[in-house]
Protein backbone atom coordinates (compact mmCIF):
# COMPACT_ATOMS: atom_id res chain seq x y z
CA UNK A 1 -6.48 37.58 -2.21
CA UNK A 2 -9.51 36.92 -4.08
CA UNK A 3 -12.06 35.32 -2.11
CA UNK A 4 -14.41 32.37 -3.73
CA UNK A 5 -17.38 30.66 -2.82
CA UNK A 6 -16.83 27.04 -3.59
CA UNK A 7 -20.82 26.19 -3.58
CA UNK A 8 -20.54 28.35 -6.66
CA UNK A 9 -17.38 27.49 -8.15
CA UNK A 10 -17.27 23.67 -8.06
CA UNK A 11 -13.43 22.56 -8.07
CA UNK A 12 -12.84 19.91 -10.96
CA UNK A 13 -9.81 18.42 -11.98
CA UNK A 14 -9.05 18.56 -15.48
CA UNK A 15 -8.17 14.58 -16.88
CA UNK A 16 -4.89 15.78 -18.46
CA UNK A 17 -3.44 16.93 -15.23
CA UNK A 18 -3.80 13.55 -13.29
CA UNK A 19 -0.94 12.06 -14.73
CA UNK A 20 1.51 14.81 -13.65
CA UNK A 21 -0.21 15.03 -10.31
CA UNK A 22 0.55 11.74 -9.85
CA UNK A 23 4.05 11.67 -11.11
CA UNK A 24 5.39 14.31 -8.66
CA UNK A 25 3.47 13.01 -5.75
CA UNK A 26 1.12 16.09 -5.64
CA UNK A 27 -1.77 14.11 -4.04
CA UNK A 28 0.21 12.48 -1.61
CA UNK A 29 2.19 15.65 -0.21
CA UNK A 30 -1.42 17.50 0.28
CA UNK A 31 -2.85 14.69 1.82
CA UNK A 32 0.26 14.44 4.08
CA UNK A 33 0.42 18.13 4.54
CA UNK A 34 -3.37 18.18 6.00
CA UNK A 35 -3.01 15.12 8.14
CA UNK A 36 0.06 17.07 9.62
CA UNK A 37 -2.23 20.16 10.44
CA UNK A 38 -5.13 18.05 12.16
CA UNK A 39 -2.48 16.12 14.26
CA UNK A 40 -0.15 18.99 15.30
CA UNK A 41 -2.77 22.15 15.53
CA UNK A 42 -0.22 24.55 14.89
CA UNK A 43 -0.94 28.25 15.92
CA UNK A 44 0.08 29.15 12.69
CA UNK A 45 -1.01 27.25 10.01
CA UNK A 46 0.66 29.19 7.38
CA UNK A 47 3.81 29.16 8.82
CA UNK A 48 3.77 25.42 9.53
CA UNK A 49 2.88 24.44 6.07
CA UNK A 50 5.63 26.64 4.73
CA UNK A 51 8.04 24.27 6.85
CA UNK A 52 6.32 21.47 5.88
CA UNK A 53 6.72 22.22 2.22
CA UNK A 54 10.26 23.19 3.09
CA UNK A 55 11.01 19.66 4.35
CA UNK A 56 9.65 17.99 1.46
CA UNK A 57 12.13 19.99 -0.97
CA UNK A 58 15.05 18.98 1.28
CA UNK A 59 13.93 15.19 1.73
CA UNK A 60 12.87 12.90 -0.73
CA UNK A 61 11.83 10.30 1.85
CA UNK A 62 9.90 10.44 5.22
CA UNK A 63 12.00 11.68 8.38
CA UNK A 64 12.80 8.34 10.24
CA UNK A 65 11.05 8.70 13.49
CA UNK A 66 11.67 5.50 15.49
CA UNK A 67 10.91 3.93 18.74
CA UNK A 68 13.09 1.33 20.10
CA UNK A 69 11.77 -1.59 22.52
CA UNK A 70 14.04 -4.10 23.71
CA UNK A 71 12.75 -7.64 25.28
CA UNK A 72 13.35 -8.71 28.82
CA UNK A 73 15.04 -11.47 27.55
CA UNK A 74 17.94 -9.51 25.76
CA UNK A 75 19.61 -8.28 28.98
CA UNK A 76 23.28 -8.68 27.30
CA UNK A 77 22.22 -5.64 25.01
CA UNK A 78 23.96 -2.43 25.80
CA UNK A 79 20.91 -0.39 24.44
CA UNK A 80 23.14 3.02 24.82
CA UNK A 81 25.88 1.20 22.44
CA UNK A 82 23.36 0.40 20.20
CA UNK A 83 21.47 3.78 20.13
CA UNK A 84 25.05 5.19 19.18
CA UNK A 85 25.64 2.75 16.31
CA UNK A 86 22.00 3.93 14.97
CA UNK A 87 23.28 7.32 15.37
CA UNK A 88 26.40 6.76 12.95
CA UNK A 89 24.23 5.04 10.59
CA UNK A 90 21.07 7.24 10.20
CA UNK A 91 22.03 10.45 11.90
CA UNK A 92 19.13 11.32 14.12
CA UNK A 93 18.70 12.72 17.67
CA UNK A 94 18.38 10.50 20.74
CA UNK A 95 15.30 11.04 23.32
CA UNK A 96 15.64 8.97 26.27
CA UNK A 97 13.42 8.95 29.52
CA UNK A 98 16.16 10.46 31.27
CA UNK A 99 15.95 13.43 28.79
CA UNK A 100 12.15 13.91 28.99
CA UNK A 101 12.31 13.64 32.92
CA UNK A 102 14.73 16.46 32.95
CA UNK A 103 12.46 18.96 30.92
CA UNK A 104 9.68 17.99 32.93
CA UNK A 105 11.28 18.57 35.98
CA UNK A 106 11.54 22.21 35.09
CA UNK A 107 8.34 22.42 33.46
CA UNK A 108 6.04 25.30 35.19
CA UNK A 109 3.00 22.86 36.03
CA UNK A 110 5.14 19.87 37.57
CA UNK A 111 4.11 19.01 41.00
CA UNK A 112 6.77 16.95 43.15
CA UNK A 113 6.09 13.48 43.51
CA UNK A 114 3.29 13.42 40.81
CA UNK A 115 4.11 12.11 37.33
CA UNK A 116 1.66 13.19 34.88
CA UNK A 117 1.70 11.45 31.50
CA UNK A 118 -0.51 13.91 29.71
CA UNK A 119 2.38 16.65 30.73
CA UNK A 120 5.37 14.14 29.93
CA UNK A 121 3.44 13.56 26.58
CA UNK A 122 3.65 17.31 26.05
CA UNK A 123 7.23 17.45 27.04
CA UNK A 124 8.37 15.05 24.48
CA UNK A 125 6.38 16.48 21.90
CA UNK A 126 8.21 20.09 22.62
CA UNK A 127 11.52 18.15 22.10
CA UNK A 128 10.65 16.21 18.74
CA UNK A 129 9.20 19.50 17.31
CA UNK A 130 12.63 21.40 18.10
CA UNK A 131 14.85 22.19 15.28
CA UNK A 132 17.31 20.13 14.22
CA UNK A 133 15.32 17.26 15.63
CA UNK A 134 12.51 17.71 13.55
CA UNK A 135 14.16 17.71 10.08
CA UNK A 136 16.74 15.25 11.19
CA UNK A 137 14.40 12.68 12.86
CA UNK A 138 14.64 10.91 16.42
CA UNK A 139 15.36 7.50 18.10
CA UNK A 140 13.39 7.11 21.29
CA UNK A 141 14.30 4.42 23.94
CA UNK A 142 13.21 3.96 27.44
CA UNK A 143 10.34 6.07 26.94
CA UNK A 144 7.24 5.41 26.94
CA UNK A 145 7.25 2.91 29.49
CA UNK A 146 3.24 2.24 29.93
CA UNK A 147 0.39 1.94 27.33
CA UNK A 148 -0.69 5.07 28.99
CA UNK A 149 1.84 7.13 27.83
CA UNK A 150 2.03 5.65 24.63
CA UNK A 151 -1.56 6.54 23.83
CA UNK A 152 -0.85 10.31 25.28
CA UNK A 153 1.93 10.44 22.81
CA UNK A 154 -0.09 9.39 19.80
CA UNK A 155 -3.02 11.76 20.93
CA UNK A 156 -0.70 14.39 20.93
CA UNK A 157 1.07 13.34 17.43
CA UNK A 158 4.36 12.21 18.64
CA UNK A 159 4.08 9.34 15.90
CA UNK A 160 7.10 6.96 15.08
CA UNK A 161 7.74 5.94 11.12
CA UNK A 162 8.80 2.33 12.72
CA UNK A 163 8.84 0.87 15.99
CA UNK A 164 11.45 -1.61 16.27
CA UNK A 165 11.11 -4.49 18.74
CA UNK A 166 14.28 -6.51 19.58
CA UNK A 167 13.47 -9.82 20.69
CA UNK A 168 15.17 -13.35 20.67
CA UNK A 169 14.48 -15.42 17.67
CA UNK A 170 11.31 -17.46 18.37
CA UNK A 171 11.83 -21.20 19.10
CA UNK A 172 9.85 -23.90 17.38
CA UNK A 173 7.53 -24.57 19.95
CA UNK A 174 6.58 -21.37 22.32
CA UNK A 175 6.86 -21.83 25.81
CA UNK A 176 3.83 -21.45 27.81
CA UNK A 177 2.97 -17.66 28.59
CA UNK A 178 2.35 -16.26 31.85
CA UNK A 179 -0.31 -13.41 31.43
CA UNK A 180 0.56 -11.83 34.64
CA UNK A 181 2.86 -8.86 34.31
CA UNK A 182 5.63 -8.92 36.29
CA UNK A 183 6.12 -5.81 38.98
CA UNK A 184 8.08 -3.11 37.62
CA UNK A 185 9.50 0.64 38.78
CA UNK A 186 9.23 4.06 36.90
CA UNK A 187 11.81 3.34 34.44
CA UNK A 188 11.00 -0.07 33.13
CA UNK A 189 8.75 -0.58 30.22
CA UNK A 190 5.81 -2.60 29.76
CA UNK A 191 6.70 -4.82 26.84
CA UNK A 192 4.11 -6.49 25.55
CA UNK A 193 1.70 -3.45 26.32
CA UNK A 194 3.97 -1.37 24.32
CA UNK A 195 4.05 -3.80 21.35
CA UNK A 196 0.31 -3.65 21.23
CA UNK A 197 0.00 0.29 21.10
CA UNK A 198 2.47 0.54 18.27
CA UNK A 199 1.21 -2.56 16.33
CA UNK A 200 0.85 -0.36 13.25
CA UNK A 201 4.57 0.19 12.77
CA UNK A 202 5.78 -2.72 14.45
CA UNK A 203 8.77 -4.18 12.95
CA UNK A 204 10.45 -7.27 14.51
CA UNK A 205 14.17 -7.43 14.84
CA UNK A 206 15.28 -11.15 15.65
CA UNK A 207 18.55 -11.12 17.80
CA UNK A 208 20.57 -14.38 18.19
CA UNK A 209 22.55 -14.92 21.31
CA UNK A 210 25.94 -14.83 19.09
CA UNK A 211 25.19 -11.60 17.37
CA UNK A 212 27.60 -8.66 18.45
CA UNK A 213 26.50 -5.32 19.06
CA UNK A 214 27.42 -4.52 15.29
CA UNK A 215 25.51 -6.81 13.58
CA UNK A 216 22.30 -6.07 15.80
CA UNK A 217 22.62 -2.20 14.62
CA UNK A 218 23.00 -3.56 11.30
CA UNK A 219 19.57 -5.64 11.62
CA UNK A 220 18.05 -2.35 13.16
CA UNK A 221 19.27 -0.12 10.21
CA UNK A 222 17.72 -2.83 7.60
CA UNK A 223 14.42 -2.76 9.50
CA UNK A 224 14.08 0.79 9.20
CA UNK A 225 14.75 1.11 5.51
CA UNK A 226 12.84 -1.58 4.77
CA UNK A 227 10.08 -0.33 6.75
CA UNK A 228 10.27 3.09 5.00
CA UNK A 229 10.36 1.21 1.82
CA UNK A 230 6.65 -0.39 2.65
CA UNK A 231 8.01 -4.02 3.63
CA UNK A 232 6.15 -4.21 7.06
CA UNK A 233 4.98 -7.51 8.15
CA UNK A 234 1.62 -9.03 7.98
CA UNK A 235 -1.30 -7.19 10.22
CA UNK A 236 1.05 -4.22 10.72
CA UNK A 237 -0.51 -1.75 8.52
CA UNK A 238 0.67 -0.61 4.77
CA UNK A 239 2.84 2.34 4.64
CA UNK A 240 3.39 2.53 0.84
CA UNK A 241 6.24 4.82 -0.61
CA UNK A 242 6.14 5.25 -4.36
CA UNK A 243 2.85 3.50 -4.65
CA UNK A 244 0.13 5.85 -6.96
CA UNK A 245 -2.49 7.84 -5.21
CA UNK A 246 -4.97 6.32 -7.21
CA UNK A 247 -4.71 2.36 -8.43
CA UNK A 248 -5.29 1.62 -12.09
CA UNK A 249 -5.26 -1.85 -12.56
CA UNK A 250 -5.12 -3.73 -15.76
CA UNK A 251 -5.68 -7.34 -15.32
CA UNK A 252 -4.57 -9.85 -18.55
CA UNK A 253 -4.98 -13.15 -18.65
CA UNK A 254 -6.82 -15.97 -20.99
CA UNK A 255 -10.84 -16.96 -20.68
CA UNK A 256 -10.68 -19.35 -17.63
CA UNK A 257 -8.05 -18.03 -15.73
CA UNK A 258 -10.03 -16.38 -13.12
CA UNK A 259 -9.27 -12.64 -14.12
CA UNK A 260 -13.01 -11.61 -13.30
CA UNK A 261 -13.48 -12.96 -10.06
CA UNK A 262 -10.19 -11.77 -8.95
CA UNK A 263 -10.66 -8.27 -10.15
CA UNK A 264 -14.22 -8.16 -8.47
CA UNK A 265 -12.62 -9.03 -5.32
CA UNK A 266 -9.82 -6.72 -5.85
CA UNK A 267 -11.96 -4.06 -6.56
CA UNK A 268 -14.21 -4.59 -3.34
CA UNK A 269 -11.32 -4.69 -1.34
CA UNK A 270 -9.67 -1.16 -2.74
CA UNK A 271 -12.88 0.64 -3.39
CA UNK A 272 -11.86 0.68 -7.10
CA UNK A 273 -14.40 0.62 -10.11
CA UNK A 274 -14.74 -2.57 -11.58
CA UNK A 275 -14.63 -2.45 -15.42
CA UNK A 276 -15.08 -5.50 -17.89
CA UNK A 277 -14.86 -4.82 -21.49
CA UNK A 278 -17.71 -7.57 -22.50
CA UNK A 279 -20.12 -5.47 -20.66
CA UNK A 280 -19.18 -2.25 -22.05
CA UNK A 281 -19.74 -3.41 -25.54
CA UNK A 282 -22.93 -5.06 -25.03
CA UNK A 283 -23.94 -1.64 -23.46
CA UNK A 284 -22.30 0.36 -26.41
CA UNK A 285 -24.21 -1.82 -28.83
CA UNK A 286 -27.62 -0.75 -27.32
CA UNK A 287 -26.86 2.92 -26.88
CA UNK A 288 -28.31 5.37 -29.55
CA UNK A 289 -24.81 7.49 -29.50
CA UNK A 290 -22.14 7.80 -32.32
CA UNK A 291 -20.45 4.87 -31.03
CA UNK A 292 -23.52 2.85 -31.29
CA UNK A 293 -23.93 3.83 -34.56
CA UNK A 294 -20.81 2.67 -36.02
CA UNK A 295 -21.01 -0.57 -34.46
CA UNK A 296 -24.21 -1.12 -35.64
CA UNK A 297 -23.37 0.17 -39.27
CA UNK A 298 -19.42 -0.73 -39.49
CA UNK A 299 -18.95 -3.33 -36.98
CA UNK A 300 -16.10 -3.60 -34.52
CA UNK A 301 -12.75 -1.91 -34.98
CA UNK A 302 -9.91 -1.65 -32.88
CA UNK A 303 -10.23 1.85 -32.82
CA UNK A 304 -13.92 1.66 -31.58
CA UNK A 305 -12.84 -0.74 -28.89
CA UNK A 306 -10.42 2.33 -27.69
CA UNK A 307 -13.06 4.59 -27.55
CA UNK A 308 -15.44 2.65 -25.68
CA UNK A 309 -12.88 1.76 -23.35
CA UNK A 310 -11.94 5.53 -23.07
CA UNK A 311 -15.29 6.67 -22.58
CA UNK A 312 -15.85 4.70 -19.36
CA UNK A 313 -12.24 5.16 -17.90
CA UNK A 314 -12.71 9.03 -18.25
CA UNK A 315 -15.77 9.18 -16.31
CA UNK A 316 -15.45 10.86 -12.90
CA UNK A 317 -15.98 7.80 -10.73
CA UNK A 318 -13.14 5.90 -12.14
CA UNK A 319 -10.73 9.15 -12.26
CA UNK A 320 -11.62 9.72 -8.51
CA UNK A 321 -11.72 5.92 -7.45
CA UNK A 322 -9.38 4.24 -9.49
CA UNK A 323 -10.22 1.12 -11.52
CA UNK A 324 -9.62 -2.61 -12.45
CA UNK A 325 -9.90 -3.41 -15.89
CA UNK A 326 -10.52 -7.13 -17.67
CA UNK A 327 -10.81 -8.15 -20.77
CA UNK A 328 -9.17 -5.66 -22.90
CA UNK A 329 -6.80 -5.10 -24.31
CA UNK A 330 -6.31 -8.48 -26.16
CA UNK A 331 -3.62 -7.74 -28.36
CA UNK A 332 -0.44 -5.47 -28.90
CA UNK A 333 -2.51 -2.81 -30.93
CA UNK A 334 -5.10 -2.51 -28.38
CA UNK A 335 -2.46 -2.02 -25.45
CA UNK A 336 -1.12 0.73 -27.38
CA UNK A 337 -4.50 2.66 -27.46
CA UNK A 338 -5.13 2.25 -23.81
CA UNK A 339 -1.73 3.27 -22.97
CA UNK A 340 -1.88 6.61 -24.96
CA UNK A 341 -5.23 7.79 -22.87
CA UNK A 342 -4.78 10.20 -19.90
CA UNK A 343 -5.00 8.28 -17.33
CA UNK A 344 -3.36 4.67 -18.36
CA UNK A 345 -2.84 1.74 -16.03
CA UNK A 346 -0.08 2.15 -13.49
CA UNK A 347 -0.26 -1.75 -12.31
CA UNK A 348 -0.37 -4.25 -14.91
CA UNK A 349 -0.67 -8.07 -13.85
CA UNK A 350 -0.55 -10.99 -15.92
CA UNK A 351 -2.31 -14.23 -14.79
CA UNK A 352 -0.56 -17.13 -16.30
CA UNK A 353 -2.36 -20.57 -16.66
CA UNK A 354 -1.91 -23.19 -19.45
CA UNK A 355 -4.25 -23.81 -22.04
CA UNK A 356 -5.85 -27.21 -20.84
CA UNK A 357 -6.45 -26.11 -17.33
CA UNK A 358 -8.29 -22.97 -18.77
CA UNK A 359 -10.26 -25.12 -20.94
CA UNK A 360 -11.21 -27.45 -18.52
CA UNK A 361 -12.59 -24.68 -16.05
CA UNK A 362 -14.57 -23.01 -18.84
CA UNK A 363 -16.10 -26.64 -19.70
CA UNK A 364 -17.10 -27.32 -16.43
CA UNK A 365 -18.89 -24.25 -15.81
CA UNK A 366 -22.58 -23.75 -16.75
CA UNK A 367 -25.40 -20.96 -16.18
CA UNK A 368 -28.64 -21.22 -14.85
CA UNK A 369 -30.80 -19.73 -17.55
CA UNK A 370 -33.43 -18.51 -15.03
CA UNK A 371 -31.45 -16.67 -12.68
CA UNK A 372 -28.24 -16.21 -14.99
CA UNK A 373 -25.84 -16.92 -12.08
CA UNK A 374 -23.03 -19.27 -13.17
CA UNK A 375 -22.98 -22.39 -11.45
CA UNK A 376 -21.18 -25.90 -11.82
CA UNK A 377 -22.47 -27.78 -15.30
CA UNK A 378 -24.96 -30.72 -14.39
CA UNK A 379 -25.91 -29.31 -10.98
CA UNK A 380 -29.62 -29.06 -11.78
CA UNK A 381 -32.01 -29.34 -15.09
CA UNK A 382 -32.07 -25.54 -15.65
CA UNK A 383 -28.31 -25.35 -15.75
CA UNK A 384 -26.81 -25.00 -19.67
CA UNK A 385 -23.47 -24.38 -21.03
CA UNK A 386 -22.67 -20.76 -22.21
CA UNK A 387 -22.67 -20.48 -26.10
CA UNK A 388 -19.20 -18.50 -25.49
CA UNK A 389 -18.18 -21.92 -23.45
CA UNK A 390 -18.85 -24.25 -26.63
CA UNK A 391 -15.82 -26.26 -27.27
CA UNK A 392 -15.07 -24.83 -31.07
CA UNK A 393 -15.10 -21.14 -30.12
CA UNK A 394 -13.39 -21.83 -26.82
CA UNK A 395 -10.43 -23.42 -28.52
CA UNK A 396 -10.06 -20.78 -31.55
CA UNK A 397 -10.33 -18.27 -28.63
CA UNK A 398 -7.34 -19.97 -26.66
CA UNK A 399 -5.45 -21.01 -29.29
CA UNK A 400 -5.08 -17.44 -30.39
CA UNK A 401 -4.54 -15.91 -26.85
CA UNK A 402 -1.21 -18.24 -26.10
CA UNK A 403 -0.01 -18.46 -29.92
CA UNK A 404 -0.22 -14.76 -30.96
CA UNK A 405 -1.55 -12.06 -28.17
CA UNK A 406 0.16 -13.43 -25.10
CA UNK A 407 3.59 -12.45 -26.54
CA UNK A 408 2.36 -9.15 -27.85
CA UNK A 409 0.88 -7.78 -24.61
CA UNK A 410 4.28 -9.13 -22.86
CA UNK A 411 6.18 -6.87 -25.00
CA UNK A 412 3.79 -4.12 -24.70
CA UNK A 413 3.84 -4.18 -21.03
CA UNK A 414 7.38 -4.26 -20.55
CA UNK A 415 9.35 -4.70 -17.09
CA UNK A 416 6.53 -2.91 -15.20
CA UNK A 417 4.22 -5.99 -15.47
CA UNK A 418 3.63 -8.62 -12.85
CA UNK A 419 3.08 -12.18 -13.77
CA UNK A 420 1.50 -14.31 -11.32
CA UNK A 421 0.62 -18.51 -11.42
CA UNK A 422 -3.17 -18.24 -11.34
CA UNK A 423 -3.37 -22.62 -11.10
CA UNK A 424 -2.89 -21.74 -7.27
CA UNK A 425 -5.68 -21.19 -5.17
CA UNK A 426 -7.88 -18.49 -5.18
CA UNK A 427 -6.91 -16.80 -1.92
CA UNK A 428 -3.32 -17.19 -2.62
CA UNK A 429 -3.58 -15.36 -6.27
CA UNK A 430 -5.65 -12.66 -4.73
CA UNK A 431 -2.91 -12.05 -2.11
CA UNK A 432 -0.03 -12.02 -4.61
CA UNK A 433 -2.57 -9.50 -6.85
CA UNK A 434 -2.83 -6.93 -3.98
CA UNK A 435 0.85 -7.57 -2.92
CA UNK A 436 1.56 -6.39 -6.57
CA UNK A 437 -0.78 -3.27 -6.76
CA UNK A 438 0.40 -1.83 -3.14
CA UNK A 439 3.90 -2.51 -3.78
CA UNK A 440 6.30 0.47 -4.02
CA UNK A 441 9.44 0.26 -6.31
CA UNK A 442 11.10 -3.02 -5.87
CA UNK A 443 13.35 -2.29 -2.55
CA UNK A 444 16.33 -4.84 -1.88
CA UNK A 445 16.16 -5.43 1.89
CA UNK A 446 19.51 -7.27 2.30
CA UNK A 447 21.66 -4.37 0.68
CA UNK A 448 18.74 -1.49 1.61
CA UNK A 449 18.83 -0.05 -1.54
CA UNK A 450 16.07 0.22 -4.65
CA UNK A 451 16.33 -1.94 -7.39
CA UNK A 452 17.09 -0.32 -10.88
CA UNK A 453 15.24 -0.32 -13.97
CA UNK A 454 11.99 -0.94 -12.20
CA UNK A 455 9.04 1.74 -12.23
CA UNK A 456 6.91 2.66 -9.46
CA UNK A 457 3.85 4.61 -11.51
């Protein structure tokens, strides 16, 4: 193999390659492969990478690795029969505490009368890495039993894709909680402690007293499939399958809909580059380059606007980190130019708000002529109305947007666009925008199948 020096040959990715890499998830494959190498630390790295790529070729989704936690209150559930039902549905292997102990007692480092969580974790990892368990996936119950054992498993890389917690349906008024842990034997699990240890992949499955075993198994199956599709609960991490590796978000909305403030919050949350067309346009007019000369000589055209936006979006920080764009496009023709660049938007969000509310918001806004900050009109002697917020030009702009441009933009965006009601509170709108950005291809949790005619990238 030819040796190369990265310090003398910096690696740069041509912009034309980016859509292909994102379409076929190349970035995600390499990221997951590196994470797999760091976690497992194999002796033969090349062989491990070949096995990993081979699994990716034969499997279009992550291998199911499930840990099943059952609340002590559900004493009527036969965990072994439930595991048999899930094996029929999902086809993975079962690992129990008894299985681990059988291998543990035969280990060379086993000391009678002494149970080592570290050694048990090593035995468990050996069981999960054996073929065909590693390729088919596994279901683990009755193990681990303590937080210490769970931490040892996590350090050794035995990580579940979903942790199913079977528990009774919560009552409207929660009973008083006793903080003391009841006495347990070696084979009983620390239920609350394990819930905390596996909170990143937690998926609660509520079981009613009249549910039979088949219904409980169906709920568990739906929970596994929904979690694999990225539908995890709040504060439980984000496992987004199908979302793009780099977010390129386009937020469309009329003046006064809060598009700029929402976009800036979104950019800060995801570490994206915030791009607003009016700022780009003002900067382009002052530059002494070919685009600046065109603007000063011939004025504004659709092609010139597209060149200004394309030049900014093709810069390295936007390609590497992703971006949020507002203020452009404002018509169907401009949308076509944006869609034809090498790295077009892969998330399109339309903020809906009626014309009267937009006008009222803009008319109530003022600018401090000393600091340049936006403040409520009439809040001080230095506060004036911005020239762009005068009633006549504002009415003309809003009338053009609602009568012509909005219909063109909706038609150009197609079914991939997500429309959000911007009249709700700021936090609600921001949560919906973040959910739309992170969302994988739409997944029907009830039917456990992906919806058709919906594009993820």
